[in-house]
Amino acid sequence: IEPVFMQDGQHYTEVEAEQIGLTTRSRSQIRVDQIRQITAFLQQP
């Protein structure tokens, strides 16, 4: 899991955002749905 930017409902890592020329005013951050992904991952053996 790494901090991401959100643009039009899509997550972009810092590298991906730079590659597509995405400019943002905010910092990348861990999103709620990423935390849900962690929870689901931990529920599986």
PDB file of all heavy atoms in Angstrom:
ATOM      1  N   ILE A   1       0.859  -1.184   0.000  1.00  0.00           N
ATOM      2  CA  ILE A   1       0.000   0.000   0.000  1.00  0.00           C
ATOM      3  C   ILE A   1       0.892   1.231   0.000  1.00  0.00           C
ATOM      4  O   ILE A   1       1.840   1.317   0.781  1.00  0.00           O
ATOM      5  CB  ILE A   1      -0.913   0.031   1.252  1.00  0.00           C
ATOM      6  CG1 ILE A   1      -1.813  -1.207   1.313  1.00  0.00           C
ATOM      7  CG2 ILE A   1      -1.728   1.308   1.313  1.00  0.00           C
ATOM      8  CD1 ILE A   1      -2.894  -1.254   0.261  1.00  0.00           C
ATOM      9  N   GLU A   2       0.591   2.177  -0.871  1.00  0.00           N
ATOM     10  CA  GLU A   2       1.341   3.433  -0.881  1.00  0.00           C
ATOM     11  C   GLU A   2       0.379   4.589  -1.085  1.00  0.00           C
ATOM     12  O   GLU A   2      -0.708   4.413  -1.629  1.00  0.00           O
ATOM     13  CB  GLU A   2       2.423   3.424  -1.954  1.00  0.00           C
ATOM     14  CG  GLU A   2       1.934   3.271  -3.362  1.00  0.00           C
ATOM     15  CD  GLU A   2       3.077   3.195  -4.355  1.00  0.00           C
ATOM     16  OE1 GLU A   2       3.862   4.150  -4.432  1.00  0.00           O
ATOM     17  OE2 GLU A   2       3.167   2.173  -5.045  1.00  0.00           O
ATOM     18  N   PRO A   3       0.757   5.768  -0.627  1.00  0.00           N
ATOM     19  CA  PRO A   3      -0.105   6.937  -0.793  1.00  0.00           C
ATOM     20  C   PRO A   3      -0.385   7.192  -2.270  1.00  0.00           C
ATOM     21  O   PRO A   3       0.481   6.984  -3.119  1.00  0.00           O
ATOM     22  CB  PRO A   3       0.719   8.080  -0.196  1.00  0.00           C
ATOM     23  CG  PRO A   3       1.719   7.423   0.684  1.00  0.00           C
ATOM     24  CD  PRO A   3       2.002   6.097   0.059  1.00  0.00           C
ATOM     25  N   VAL A   4      -1.592   7.610  -2.560  1.00  0.00           N
ATOM     26  CA  VAL A   4      -1.995   7.853  -3.943  1.00  0.00           C
ATOM     27  C   VAL A   4      -2.704   9.195  -4.068  1.00  0.00           C
ATOM     28  O   VAL A   4      -3.179   9.766  -3.091  1.00  0.00           O
ATOM     29  CB  VAL A   4      -2.923   6.726  -4.463  1.00  0.00           C
ATOM     30  CG1 VAL A   4      -2.189   5.408  -4.570  1.00  0.00           C
ATOM     31  CG2 VAL A   4      -4.164   6.592  -3.615  1.00  0.00           C
ATOM     32  N   PHE A   5      -2.758   9.679  -5.294  1.00  0.00           N
ATOM     33  CA  PHE A   5      -3.577  10.834  -5.640  1.00  0.00           C
ATOM     34  C   PHE A   5      -4.893  10.297  -6.189  1.00  0.00           C
ATOM     35  O   PHE A   5      -4.950   9.203  -6.731  1.00  0.00           O
ATOM     36  CB  PHE A   5      -2.906  11.676  -6.731  1.00  0.00           C
ATOM     37  CG  PHE A   5      -1.618  12.308  -6.302  1.00  0.00           C
ATOM     38  CD1 PHE A   5      -0.402  11.776  -6.708  1.00  0.00           C
ATOM     39  CD2 PHE A   5      -1.602  13.437  -5.499  1.00  0.00           C
ATOM     40  CE1 PHE A   5       0.794  12.346  -6.333  1.00  0.00           C
ATOM     41  CE2 PHE A   5      -0.412  14.016  -5.102  1.00  0.00           C
ATOM     42  CZ  PHE A   5       0.783  13.469  -5.525  1.00  0.00           C
ATOM     43  N   MET A   6      -5.955  11.083  -6.068  1.00  0.00           N
ATOM     44  CA  MET A   6      -7.250  10.676  -6.593  1.00  0.00           C
ATOM     45  C   MET A   6      -7.661  11.674  -7.667  1.00  0.00           C
ATOM     46  O   MET A   6      -7.649  12.890  -7.431  1.00  0.00           O
ATOM     47  CB  MET A   6      -8.277  10.669  -5.468  1.00  0.00           C
ATOM     48  CG  MET A   6      -9.566  10.088  -5.853  1.00  0.00           C
ATOM     49  SD  MET A   6      -9.566   8.431  -5.232  1.00  0.00           S
ATOM     50  CE  MET A   6     -11.283   8.155  -5.035  1.00  0.00           C
ATOM     51  N   GLN A   7      -7.988  11.163  -8.840  1.00  0.00           N
ATOM     52  CA  GLN A   7      -8.428  12.011  -9.952  1.00  0.00           C
ATOM     53  C   GLN A   7      -9.532  11.278 -10.688  1.00  0.00           C
ATOM     54  O   GLN A   7      -9.318  10.173 -11.185  1.00  0.00           O
ATOM     55  CB  GLN A   7      -7.251  12.289 -10.899  1.00  0.00           C
ATOM     56  CG  GLN A   7      -7.586  13.103 -12.115  1.00  0.00           C
ATOM     57  CD  GLN A   7      -7.700  14.584 -11.790  1.00  0.00           C
ATOM     58  OE1 GLN A   7      -7.149  15.057 -10.814  1.00  0.00           O
ATOM     59  NE2 GLN A   7      -8.416  15.300 -12.617  1.00  0.00           N
ATOM     60  N   ASP A   8     -10.723  11.847 -10.743  1.00  0.00           N
ATOM     61  CA  ASP A   8     -11.866  11.244 -11.430  1.00  0.00           C
ATOM     62  C   ASP A   8     -12.144   9.818 -10.962  1.00  0.00           C
ATOM     63  O   ASP A   8     -12.419   8.925 -11.762  1.00  0.00           O
ATOM     64  CB  ASP A   8     -11.658  11.265 -12.947  1.00  0.00           C
ATOM     65  CG  ASP A   8     -11.530  12.680 -13.496  1.00  0.00           C
ATOM     66  OD1 ASP A   8     -12.206  13.578 -12.967  1.00  0.00           O
ATOM     67  OD2 ASP A   8     -10.757  12.876 -14.453  1.00  0.00           O
ATOM     68  N   GLY A   9     -12.034   9.584  -9.651  1.00  0.00           N
ATOM     69  CA  GLY A   9     -12.323   8.284  -9.085  1.00  0.00           C
ATOM     70  C   GLY A   9     -11.233   7.243  -9.270  1.00  0.00           C
ATOM     71  O   GLY A   9     -11.398   6.090  -8.897  1.00  0.00           O
ATOM     72  N   GLN A  10     -10.111   7.622  -9.839  1.00  0.00           N
ATOM     73  CA  GLN A  10      -8.991   6.712 -10.062  1.00  0.00           C
ATOM     74  C   GLN A  10      -7.844   7.043  -9.117  1.00  0.00           C
ATOM     75  O   GLN A  10      -7.606   8.211  -8.821  1.00  0.00           O
ATOM     76  CB  GLN A  10      -8.479   6.822 -11.508  1.00  0.00           C
ATOM     77  CG  GLN A  10      -9.487   6.414 -12.547  1.00  0.00           C
ATOM     78  CD  GLN A  10      -9.718   4.913 -12.541  1.00  0.00           C
ATOM     79  OE1 GLN A  10      -8.830   4.128 -12.223  1.00  0.00           O
ATOM     80  NE2 GLN A  10     -10.927   4.511 -12.881  1.00  0.00           N
ATOM     81  N   HIS A  11      -7.130   6.021  -8.679  1.00  0.00           N
ATOM     82  CA  HIS A  11      -5.941   6.213  -7.848  1.00  0.00           C
ATOM     83  C   HIS A  11      -4.709   6.249  -8.733  1.00  0.00           C
ATOM     84  O   HIS A  11      -4.593   5.465  -9.665  1.00  0.00           O
ATOM     85  CB  HIS A  11      -5.769   5.063  -6.870  1.00  0.00           C
ATOM     86  CG  HIS A  11      -6.788   5.038  -5.790  1.00  0.00           C
ATOM     87  ND1 HIS A  11      -6.774   4.099  -4.806  1.00  0.00           N
ATOM     88  CD2 HIS A  11      -7.849   5.824  -5.512  1.00  0.00           C
ATOM     89  CE1 HIS A  11      -7.766   4.303  -3.983  1.00  0.00           C
ATOM     90  NE2 HIS A  11      -8.445   5.348  -4.402  1.00  0.00           N
ATOM     91  N   TYR A  12      -3.805   7.153  -8.413  1.00  0.00           N
ATOM     92  CA  TYR A  12      -2.538   7.253  -9.127  1.00  0.00           C
ATOM     93  C   TYR A  12      -1.410   7.383  -8.108  1.00  0.00           C
ATOM     94  O   TYR A  12      -1.456   8.251  -7.248  1.00  0.00           O
ATOM     95  CB  TYR A  12      -2.517   8.483 -10.043  1.00  0.00           C
ATOM     96  CG  TYR A  12      -3.559   8.435 -11.130  1.00  0.00           C
ATOM     97  CD1 TYR A  12      -4.768   9.092 -10.988  1.00  0.00           C
ATOM     98  CD2 TYR A  12      -3.331   7.717 -12.298  1.00  0.00           C
ATOM     99  CE1 TYR A  12      -5.729   9.049 -11.976  1.00  0.00           C
ATOM    100  CE2 TYR A  12      -4.286   7.668 -13.296  1.00  0.00           C
ATOM    101  CZ  TYR A  12      -5.489   8.331 -13.131  1.00  0.00           C
ATOM    102  OH  TYR A  12      -6.438   8.275 -14.117  1.00  0.00           O
ATOM    103  N   THR A  13      -0.413   6.518  -8.228  1.00  0.00           N
ATOM    104  CA  THR A  13       0.765   6.658  -7.391  1.00  0.00           C
ATOM    105  C   THR A  13       1.516   7.900  -7.845  1.00  0.00           C
ATOM    106  O   THR A  13       1.221   8.469  -8.897  1.00  0.00           O
ATOM    107  CB  THR A  13       1.687   5.429  -7.512  1.00  0.00           C
ATOM    108  OG1 THR A  13       2.176   5.349  -8.845  1.00  0.00           O
ATOM    109  CG2 THR A  13       0.964   4.155  -7.117  1.00  0.00           C
ATOM    110  N   GLU A  14       2.500   8.310  -7.077  1.00  0.00           N
ATOM    111  CA  GLU A  14       3.272   9.491  -7.458  1.00  0.00           C
ATOM    112  C   GLU A  14       3.940   9.299  -8.812  1.00  0.00           C
ATOM    113  O   GLU A  14       3.970  10.209  -9.636  1.00  0.00           O
ATOM    114  CB  GLU A  14       4.289   9.824  -6.374  1.00  0.00           C
ATOM    115  CG  GLU A  14       3.632  10.340  -5.108  1.00  0.00           C
ATOM    116  CD  GLU A  14       4.619  10.813  -4.066  1.00  0.00           C
ATOM    117  OE1 GLU A  14       5.723  11.242  -4.438  1.00  0.00           O
ATOM    118  OE2 GLU A  14       4.274  10.769  -2.881  1.00  0.00           O
ATOM    119  N   VAL A  15       4.460   8.097  -9.054  1.00  0.00           N
ATOM    120  CA  VAL A  15       5.123   7.808 -10.331  1.00  0.00           C
ATOM    121  C   VAL A  15       4.116   7.853 -11.477  1.00  0.00           C
ATOM    122  O   VAL A  15       4.372   8.460 -12.525  1.00  0.00           O
ATOM    123  CB  VAL A  15       5.829   6.432 -10.277  1.00  0.00           C
ATOM    124  CG1 VAL A  15       6.340   6.016 -11.647  1.00  0.00           C
ATOM    125  CG2 VAL A  15       6.952   6.452  -9.257  1.00  0.00           C
ATOM    126  N   GLU A  16       2.962   7.231 -11.289  1.00  0.00           N
ATOM    127  CA  GLU A  16       1.930   7.236 -12.329  1.00  0.00           C
ATOM    128  C   GLU A  16       1.440   8.651 -12.607  1.00  0.00           C
ATOM    129  O   GLU A  16       1.245   9.028 -13.768  1.00  0.00           O
ATOM    130  CB  GLU A  16       0.756   6.359 -11.914  1.00  0.00           C
ATOM    131  CG  GLU A  16       1.077   4.890 -11.853  1.00  0.00           C
ATOM    132  CD  GLU A  16      -0.016   4.075 -11.183  1.00  0.00           C
ATOM    133  OE1 GLU A  16      -0.816   4.635 -10.398  1.00  0.00           O
ATOM    134  OE2 GLU A  16      -0.052   2.866 -11.441  1.00  0.00           O
ATOM    135  N   ALA A  17       1.231   9.436 -11.561  1.00  0.00           N
ATOM    136  CA  ALA A  17       0.770  10.815 -11.732  1.00  0.00           C
ATOM    137  C   ALA A  17       1.782  11.630 -12.527  1.00  0.00           C
ATOM    138  O   ALA A  17       1.417  12.417 -13.396  1.00  0.00           O
ATOM    139  CB  ALA A  17       0.514  11.457 -10.373  1.00  0.00           C
ATOM    140  N   GLU A  18       3.041  11.416 -12.235  1.00  0.00           N
ATOM    141  CA  GLU A  18       4.096  12.126 -12.955  1.00  0.00           C
ATOM    142  C   GLU A  18       4.133  11.697 -14.422  1.00  0.00           C
ATOM    143  O   GLU A  18       4.280  12.528 -15.319  1.00  0.00           O
ATOM    144  CB  GLU A  18       5.441  11.840 -12.298  1.00  0.00           C
ATOM    145  CG  GLU A  18       6.579  12.654 -12.850  1.00  0.00           C
ATOM    146  CD  GLU A  18       7.862  12.393 -12.091  1.00  0.00           C
ATOM    147  OE1 GLU A  18       7.882  12.634 -10.865  1.00  0.00           O
ATOM    148  OE2 GLU A  18       8.829  11.936 -12.735  1.00  0.00           O
ATOM    149  N   GLN A  19       3.951  10.415 -14.687  1.00  0.00           N
ATOM    150  CA  GLN A  19       3.993   9.892 -16.051  1.00  0.00           C
ATOM    151  C   GLN A  19       2.874  10.451 -16.921  1.00  0.00           C
ATOM    152  O   GLN A  19       3.077  10.703 -18.106  1.00  0.00           O
ATOM    153  CB  GLN A  19       3.931   8.368 -16.052  1.00  0.00           C
ATOM    154  CG  GLN A  19       5.180   7.703 -15.564  1.00  0.00           C
ATOM    155  CD  GLN A  19       5.034   6.190 -15.436  1.00  0.00           C
ATOM    156  OE1 GLN A  19       3.934   5.651 -15.473  1.00  0.00           O
ATOM    157  NE2 GLN A  19       6.163   5.518 -15.277  1.00  0.00           N
ATOM    158  N   ILE A  20       1.688  10.635 -16.341  1.00  0.00           N
ATOM    159  CA  ILE A  20       0.566  11.134 -17.133  1.00  0.00           C
ATOM    160  C   ILE A  20       0.421  12.655 -17.054  1.00  0.00           C
ATOM    161  O   ILE A  20      -0.484  13.217 -17.648  1.00  0.00           O
ATOM    162  CB  ILE A  20      -0.759  10.454 -16.743  1.00  0.00           C
ATOM    163  CG1 ILE A  20      -1.155  10.786 -15.300  1.00  0.00           C
ATOM    164  CG2 ILE A  20      -0.695   8.972 -16.983  1.00  0.00           C
ATOM    165  CD1 ILE A  20      -2.557  10.349 -14.938  1.00  0.00           C
ATOM    166  N   GLY A  21       1.300  13.294 -16.305  1.00  0.00           N
ATOM    167  CA  GLY A  21       1.269  14.748 -16.200  1.00  0.00           C
ATOM    168  C   GLY A  21       0.171  15.279 -15.308  1.00  0.00           C
ATOM    169  O   GLY A  21      -0.277  16.409 -15.475  1.00  0.00           O
ATOM    170  N   LEU A  22      -0.255  14.489 -14.351  1.00  0.00           N
ATOM    171  CA  LEU A  22      -1.303  14.896 -13.419  1.00  0.00           C
ATOM    172  C   LEU A  22      -0.746  15.924 -12.443  1.00  0.00           C
ATOM    173  O   LEU A  22       0.275  15.693 -11.806  1.00  0.00           O
ATOM    174  CB  LEU A  22      -1.819  13.672 -12.656  1.00  0.00           C
ATOM    175  CG  LEU A  22      -2.915  13.904 -11.626  1.00  0.00           C
ATOM    176  CD1 LEU A  22      -4.189  14.373 -12.315  1.00  0.00           C
ATOM    177  CD2 LEU A  22      -3.171  12.625 -10.843  1.00  0.00           C
ATOM    178  N   THR A  23      -1.407  17.045 -12.345  1.00  0.00           N
ATOM    179  CA  THR A  23      -0.995  18.059 -11.374  1.00  0.00           C
ATOM    180  C   THR A  23      -2.079  18.154 -10.306  1.00  0.00           C
ATOM    181  O   THR A  23      -3.263  18.171 -10.604  1.00  0.00           O
ATOM    182  CB  THR A  23      -0.804  19.440 -12.033  1.00  0.00           C
ATOM    183  OG1 THR A  23      -2.011  19.812 -12.693  1.00  0.00           O
ATOM    184  CG2 THR A  23       0.320  19.403 -13.043  1.00  0.00           C
ATOM    185  N   THR A  24      -1.646  18.178  -9.062  1.00  0.00           N
ATOM    186  CA  THR A  24      -2.588  18.248  -7.956  1.00  0.00           C
ATOM    187  C   THR A  24      -2.146  19.318  -6.969  1.00  0.00           C
ATOM    188  O   THR A  24      -0.982  19.683  -6.928  1.00  0.00           O
ATOM    189  CB  THR A  24      -2.684  16.900  -7.214  1.00  0.00           C
ATOM    190  OG1 THR A  24      -1.422  16.626  -6.635  1.00  0.00           O
ATOM    191  CG2 THR A  24      -3.089  15.777  -8.149  1.00  0.00           C
ATOM    192  N   ARG A  25      -3.094  19.773  -6.196  1.00  0.00           N
ATOM    193  CA  ARG A  25      -2.785  20.750  -5.160  1.00  0.00           C
ATOM    194  C   ARG A  25      -2.578  20.086  -3.807  1.00  0.00           C
ATOM    195  O   ARG A  25      -2.129  20.703  -2.870  1.00  0.00           O
ATOM    196  CB  ARG A  25      -3.916  21.766  -5.054  1.00  0.00           C
ATOM    197  CG  ARG A  25      -4.026  22.651  -6.279  1.00  0.00           C
ATOM    198  CD  ARG A  25      -5.172  23.584  -6.122  1.00  0.00           C
ATOM    199  NE  ARG A  25      -6.394  22.760  -6.215  1.00  0.00           N
ATOM    200  CZ  ARG A  25      -7.527  23.162  -6.716  1.00  0.00           C
ATOM    201  NH1 ARG A  25      -7.649  24.384  -7.137  1.00  0.00           N
ATOM    202  NH2 ARG A  25      -8.556  22.362  -6.784  1.00  0.00           N
ATOM    203  N   SER A  26      -2.942  18.817  -3.722  1.00  0.00           N
ATOM    204  CA  SER A  26      -2.830  18.120  -2.440  1.00  0.00           C
ATOM    205  C   SER A  26      -1.721  17.080  -2.486  1.00  0.00           C
ATOM    206  O   SER A  26      -1.220  16.733  -3.547  1.00  0.00           O
ATOM    207  CB  SER A  26      -4.162  17.440  -2.102  1.00  0.00           C
ATOM    208  OG  SER A  26      -4.453  16.465  -3.072  1.00  0.00           O
ATOM    209  N   ARG A  27      -1.386  16.590  -1.310  1.00  0.00           N
ATOM    210  CA  ARG A  27      -0.377  15.539  -1.204  1.00  0.00           C
ATOM    211  C   ARG A  27      -1.039  14.187  -1.452  1.00  0.00           C
ATOM    212  O   ARG A  27      -2.236  14.026  -1.251  1.00  0.00           O
ATOM    213  CB  ARG A  27       0.228  15.530   0.194  1.00  0.00           C
ATOM    214  CG  ARG A  27       1.013  16.749   0.522  1.00  0.00           C
ATOM    215  CD  ARG A  27       1.585  16.734   1.907  1.00  0.00           C
ATOM    216  NE  ARG A  27       1.365  15.482   2.632  1.00  0.00           N
ATOM    217  CZ  ARG A  27       1.995  15.132   3.711  1.00  0.00           C
ATOM    218  NH1 ARG A  27       2.883  15.920   4.229  1.00  0.00           N
ATOM    219  NH2 ARG A  27       1.740  14.001   4.318  1.00  0.00           N
ATOM    220  N   SER A  28      -0.234  13.217  -1.838  1.00  0.00           N
ATOM    221  CA  SER A  28      -0.763  11.858  -1.951  1.00  0.00           C
ATOM    222  C   SER A  28      -1.039  11.345  -0.543  1.00  0.00           C
ATOM    223  O   SER A  28      -0.408  11.778   0.420  1.00  0.00           O
ATOM    224  CB  SER A  28       0.236  10.959  -2.677  1.00  0.00           C
ATOM    225  OG  SER A  28       1.452  10.898  -1.974  1.00  0.00           O
ATOM    226  N   GLN A  29      -2.004  10.443  -0.417  1.00  0.00           N
ATOM    227  CA  GLN A  29      -2.363   9.934   0.898  1.00  0.00           C
ATOM    228  C   GLN A  29      -2.955   8.534   0.800  1.00  0.00           C
ATOM    229  O   GLN A  29      -3.385   8.109  -0.268  1.00  0.00           O
ATOM    230  CB  GLN A  29      -3.335  10.872   1.592  1.00  0.00           C
ATOM    231  CG  GLN A  29      -4.588  11.171   0.809  1.00  0.00           C
ATOM    232  CD  GLN A  29      -5.438  12.221   1.488  1.00  0.00           C
ATOM    233  OE1 GLN A  29      -5.727  12.123   2.671  1.00  0.00           O
ATOM    234  NE2 GLN A  29      -5.840  13.231   0.755  1.00  0.00           N
ATOM    235  N   ILE A  30      -2.953   7.831   1.916  1.00  0.00           N
ATOM    236  CA  ILE A  30      -3.601   6.527   2.001  1.00  0.00           C
ATOM    237  C   ILE A  30      -5.100   6.781   2.044  1.00  0.00           C
ATOM    238  O   ILE A  30      -5.584   7.576   2.849  1.00  0.00           O
ATOM    239  CB  ILE A  30      -3.148   5.759   3.267  1.00  0.00           C
ATOM    240  CG1 ILE A  30      -1.630   5.596   3.310  1.00  0.00           C
ATOM    241  CG2 ILE A  30      -3.860   4.410   3.360  1.00  0.00           C
ATOM    242  CD1 ILE A  30      -1.038   4.714   2.273  1.00  0.00           C
ATOM    243  N   ARG A  31      -5.851   6.101   1.190  1.00  0.00           N
ATOM    244  CA  ARG A  31      -7.294   6.322   1.067  1.00  0.00           C
ATOM    245  C   ARG A  31      -8.081   5.291   1.865  1.00  0.00           C
ATOM    246  O   ARG A  31      -7.593   4.207   2.172  1.00  0.00           O
ATOM    247  CB  ARG A  31      -7.715   6.234  -0.408  1.00  0.00           C
ATOM    248  CG  ARG A  31      -6.958   7.152  -1.331  1.00  0.00           C
ATOM    249  CD  ARG A  31      -7.315   8.579  -1.070  1.00  0.00           C
ATOM    250  NE  ARG A  31      -6.455   9.470  -1.854  1.00  0.00           N
ATOM    251  CZ  ARG A  31      -6.689  10.733  -2.034  1.00  0.00           C
ATOM    252  NH1 ARG A  31      -7.741  11.295  -1.500  1.00  0.00           N
ATOM    253  NH2 ARG A  31      -5.858  11.480  -2.730  1.00  0.00           N
ATOM    254  N   VAL A  32      -9.330   5.613   2.178  1.00  0.00           N
ATOM    255  CA  VAL A  32     -10.188   4.730   2.958  1.00  0.00           C
ATOM    256  C   VAL A  32     -10.347   3.379   2.262  1.00  0.00           C
ATOM    257  O   VAL A  32     -10.302   2.334   2.907  1.00  0.00           O
ATOM    258  CB  VAL A  32     -11.566   5.382   3.210  1.00  0.00           C
ATOM    259  CG1 VAL A  32     -12.538   4.392   3.821  1.00  0.00           C
ATOM    260  CG2 VAL A  32     -11.425   6.611   4.088  1.00  0.00           C
ATOM    261  N   ASP A  33     -10.511   3.382   0.949  1.00  0.00           N
ATOM    262  CA  ASP A  33     -10.684   2.106   0.266  1.00  0.00           C
ATOM    263  C   ASP A  33      -9.410   1.250   0.310  1.00  0.00           C
ATOM    264  O   ASP A  33      -9.477   0.020   0.246  1.00  0.00           O
ATOM    265  CB  ASP A  33     -11.193   2.277  -1.161  1.00  0.00           C
ATOM    266  CG  ASP A  33     -10.329   3.157  -2.009  1.00  0.00           C
ATOM    267  OD1 ASP A  33      -9.690   4.077  -1.486  1.00  0.00           O
ATOM    268  OD2 ASP A  33     -10.294   2.935  -3.242  1.00  0.00           O
ATOM    269  N   GLN A  34      -8.257   1.882   0.465  1.00  0.00           N
ATOM    270  CA  GLN A  34      -7.027   1.107   0.648  1.00  0.00           C
ATOM    271  C   GLN A  34      -7.020   0.432   2.020  1.00  0.00           C
ATOM    272  O   GLN A  34      -6.557  -0.694   2.148  1.00  0.00           O
ATOM    273  CB  GLN A  34      -5.800   2.001   0.489  1.00  0.00           C
ATOM    274  CG  GLN A  34      -5.585   2.474  -0.939  1.00  0.00           C
ATOM    275  CD  GLN A  34      -4.438   3.454  -1.026  1.00  0.00           C
ATOM    276  OE1 GLN A  34      -4.551   4.579  -0.549  1.00  0.00           O
ATOM    277  NE2 GLN A  34      -3.344   3.012  -1.618  1.00  0.00           N
ATOM    278  N   ILE A  35      -7.540   1.110   3.030  1.00  0.00           N
ATOM    279  CA  ILE A  35      -7.656   0.520   4.364  1.00  0.00           C
ATOM    280  C   ILE A  35      -8.631  -0.659   4.313  1.00  0.00           C
ATOM    281  O   ILE A  35      -8.389  -1.708   4.911  1.00  0.00           O
ATOM    282  CB  ILE A  35      -8.118   1.564   5.407  1.00  0.00           C
ATOM    283  CG1 ILE A  35      -7.131   2.730   5.478  1.00  0.00           C
ATOM    284  CG2 ILE A  35      -8.327   0.916   6.772  1.00  0.00           C
ATOM    285  CD1 ILE A  35      -5.704   2.336   5.810  1.00  0.00           C
ATOM    286  N   ARG A  36      -9.707  -0.514   3.560  1.00  0.00           N
ATOM    287  CA  ARG A  36     -10.646  -1.628   3.387  1.00  0.00           C
ATOM    288  C   ARG A  36      -9.969  -2.802   2.679  1.00  0.00           C
ATOM    289  O   ARG A  36     -10.242  -3.961   2.986  1.00  0.00           O
ATOM    290  CB  ARG A  36     -11.868  -1.155   2.610  1.00  0.00           C
ATOM    291  CG  ARG A  36     -12.744  -0.224   3.407  1.00  0.00           C
ATOM    292  CD  ARG A  36     -14.003   0.151   2.654  1.00  0.00           C
ATOM    293  NE  ARG A  36     -14.773   1.074   3.446  1.00  0.00           N
ATOM    294  CZ  ARG A  36     -15.165   2.279   3.037  1.00  0.00           C
ATOM    295  NH1 ARG A  36     -14.879   2.689   1.814  1.00  0.00           N
ATOM    296  NH2 ARG A  36     -15.861   3.060   3.832  1.00  0.00           N
ATOM    297  N   GLN A  37      -9.103  -2.505   1.745  1.00  0.00           N
ATOM    298  CA  GLN A  37      -8.350  -3.544   1.043  1.00  0.00           C
ATOM    299  C   GLN A  37      -7.455  -4.304   2.026  1.00  0.00           C
ATOM    300  O   GLN A  37      -7.342  -5.531   1.957  1.00  0.00           O
ATOM    301  CB  GLN A  37      -7.520  -2.913  -0.070  1.00  0.00           C
ATOM    302  CG  GLN A  37      -6.768  -3.880  -0.920  1.00  0.00           C
ATOM    303  CD  GLN A  37      -5.936  -3.169  -1.990  1.00  0.00           C
ATOM    304  OE1 GLN A  37      -5.815  -1.949  -2.011  1.00  0.00           O
ATOM    305  NE2 GLN A  37      -5.367  -3.958  -2.871  1.00  0.00           N
ATOM    306  N   ILE A  38      -6.839  -3.592   2.960  1.00  0.00           N
ATOM    307  CA  ILE A  38      -6.012  -4.222   3.990  1.00  0.00           C
ATOM    308  C   ILE A  38      -6.868  -5.154   4.844  1.00  0.00           C
ATOM    309  O   ILE A  38      -6.484  -6.297   5.119  1.00  0.00           O
ATOM    310  CB  ILE A  38      -5.318  -3.167   4.874  1.00  0.00           C
ATOM    311  CG1 ILE A  38      -4.265  -2.416   4.068  1.00  0.00           C
ATOM    312  CG2 ILE A  38      -4.704  -3.808   6.108  1.00  0.00           C
ATOM    313  CD1 ILE A  38      -3.690  -1.205   4.782  1.00  0.00           C
ATOM    314  N   THR A  39      -8.033  -4.678   5.267  1.00  0.00           N
ATOM    315  CA  THR A  39      -8.931  -5.475   6.093  1.00  0.00           C
ATOM    316  C   THR A  39      -9.334  -6.759   5.381  1.00  0.00           C
ATOM    317  O   THR A  39      -9.293  -7.845   5.960  1.00  0.00           O
ATOM    318  CB  THR A  39     -10.184  -4.657   6.462  1.00  0.00           C
ATOM    319  OG1 THR A  39      -9.776  -3.467   7.141  1.00  0.00           O
ATOM    320  CG2 THR A  39     -11.119  -5.444   7.355  1.00  0.00           C
ATOM    321  N   ALA A  40      -9.706  -6.650   4.119  1.00  0.00           N
ATOM    322  CA  ALA A  40     -10.098  -7.833   3.342  1.00  0.00           C
ATOM    323  C   ALA A  40      -8.920  -8.789   3.184  1.00  0.00           C
ATOM    324  O   ALA A  40      -9.080 -10.016   3.283  1.00  0.00           O
ATOM    325  CB  ALA A  40     -10.630  -7.405   1.980  1.00  0.00           C
ATOM    326  N   PHE A  41      -7.735  -8.247   2.951  1.00  0.00           N
ATOM    327  CA  PHE A  41      -6.538  -9.074   2.783  1.00  0.00           C
ATOM    328  C   PHE A  41      -6.234  -9.855   4.056  1.00  0.00           C
ATOM    329  O   PHE A  41      -5.892 -11.036   4.013  1.00  0.00           O
ATOM    330  CB  PHE A  41      -5.357  -8.167   2.405  1.00  0.00           C
ATOM    331  CG  PHE A  41      -4.067  -8.894   2.175  1.00  0.00           C
ATOM    332  CD1 PHE A  41      -3.841  -9.583   1.005  1.00  0.00           C
ATOM    333  CD2 PHE A  41      -3.065  -8.878   3.138  1.00  0.00           C
ATOM    334  CE1 PHE A  41      -2.643 -10.256   0.791  1.00  0.00           C
ATOM    335  CE2 PHE A  41      -1.867  -9.533   2.935  1.00  0.00           C
ATOM    336  CZ  PHE A  41      -1.660 -10.232   1.757  1.00  0.00           C
ATOM    337  N   LEU A  42      -6.379  -9.206   5.206  1.00  0.00           N
ATOM    338  CA  LEU A  42      -6.080  -9.853   6.480  1.00  0.00           C
ATOM    339  C   LEU A  42      -7.110 -10.909   6.876  1.00  0.00           C
ATOM    340  O   LEU A  42      -6.837 -11.767   7.705  1.00  0.00           O
ATOM    341  CB  LEU A  42      -5.948  -8.807   7.588  1.00  0.00           C
ATOM    342  CG  LEU A  42      -4.708  -7.937   7.508  1.00  0.00           C
ATOM    343  CD1 LEU A  42      -4.756  -6.852   8.573  1.00  0.00           C
ATOM    344  CD2 LEU A  42      -3.450  -8.782   7.654  1.00  0.00           C
ATOM    345  N   GLN A  43      -8.291 -10.843   6.299  1.00  0.00           N
ATOM    346  CA  GLN A  43      -9.321 -11.827   6.614  1.00  0.00           C
ATOM    347  C   GLN A  43      -9.086 -13.160   5.903  1.00  0.00           C
ATOM    348  O   GLN A  43      -9.709 -14.153   6.238  1.00  0.00           O
ATOM    349  CB  GLN A  43     -10.702 -11.281   6.260  1.00  0.00           C
ATOM    350  CG  GLN A  43     -11.121 -10.156   7.172  1.00  0.00           C
ATOM    351  CD  GLN A  43     -12.434  -9.531   6.768  1.00  0.00           C
ATOM    352  OE1 GLN A  43     -12.991  -9.803   5.706  1.00  0.00           O
ATOM    353  NE2 GLN A  43     -12.950  -8.655   7.627  1.00  0.00           N
ATOM    354  N   GLN A  44      -8.191 -13.177   4.928  1.00  0.00           N
ATOM    355  CA  GLN A  44      -7.885 -14.399   4.195  1.00  0.00           C
ATOM    356  C   GLN A  44      -6.627 -15.038   4.769  1.00  0.00           C
ATOM    357  O   GLN A  44      -5.678 -14.338   5.103  1.00  0.00           O
ATOM    358  CB  GLN A  44      -7.650 -14.088   2.725  1.00  0.00           C
ATOM    359  CG  GLN A  44      -8.809 -13.409   2.051  1.00  0.00           C
ATOM    360  CD  GLN A  44      -8.447 -12.943   0.653  1.00  0.00           C
ATOM    361  OE1 GLN A  44      -7.396 -13.247   0.131  1.00  0.00           O
ATOM    362  NE2 GLN A  44      -9.329 -12.180   0.059  1.00  0.00           N
ATOM    363  N   PRO A  45      -6.589 -16.361   4.859  1.00  0.00           N
ATOM    364  CA  PRO A  45      -5.363 -17.020   5.336  1.00  0.00           C
ATOM    365  C   PRO A  45      -4.263 -16.914   4.279  1.00  0.00           C
ATOM    366  O   PRO A  45      -4.547 -16.840   3.082  1.00  0.00           O
ATOM    367  CB  PRO A  45      -5.800 -18.474   5.542  1.00  0.00           C
ATOM    368  CG  PRO A  45      -6.969 -18.653   4.651  1.00  0.00           C
ATOM    369  CD  PRO A  45      -7.647 -17.315   4.566  1.00  0.00           C
TER     370      PRO A  45
END
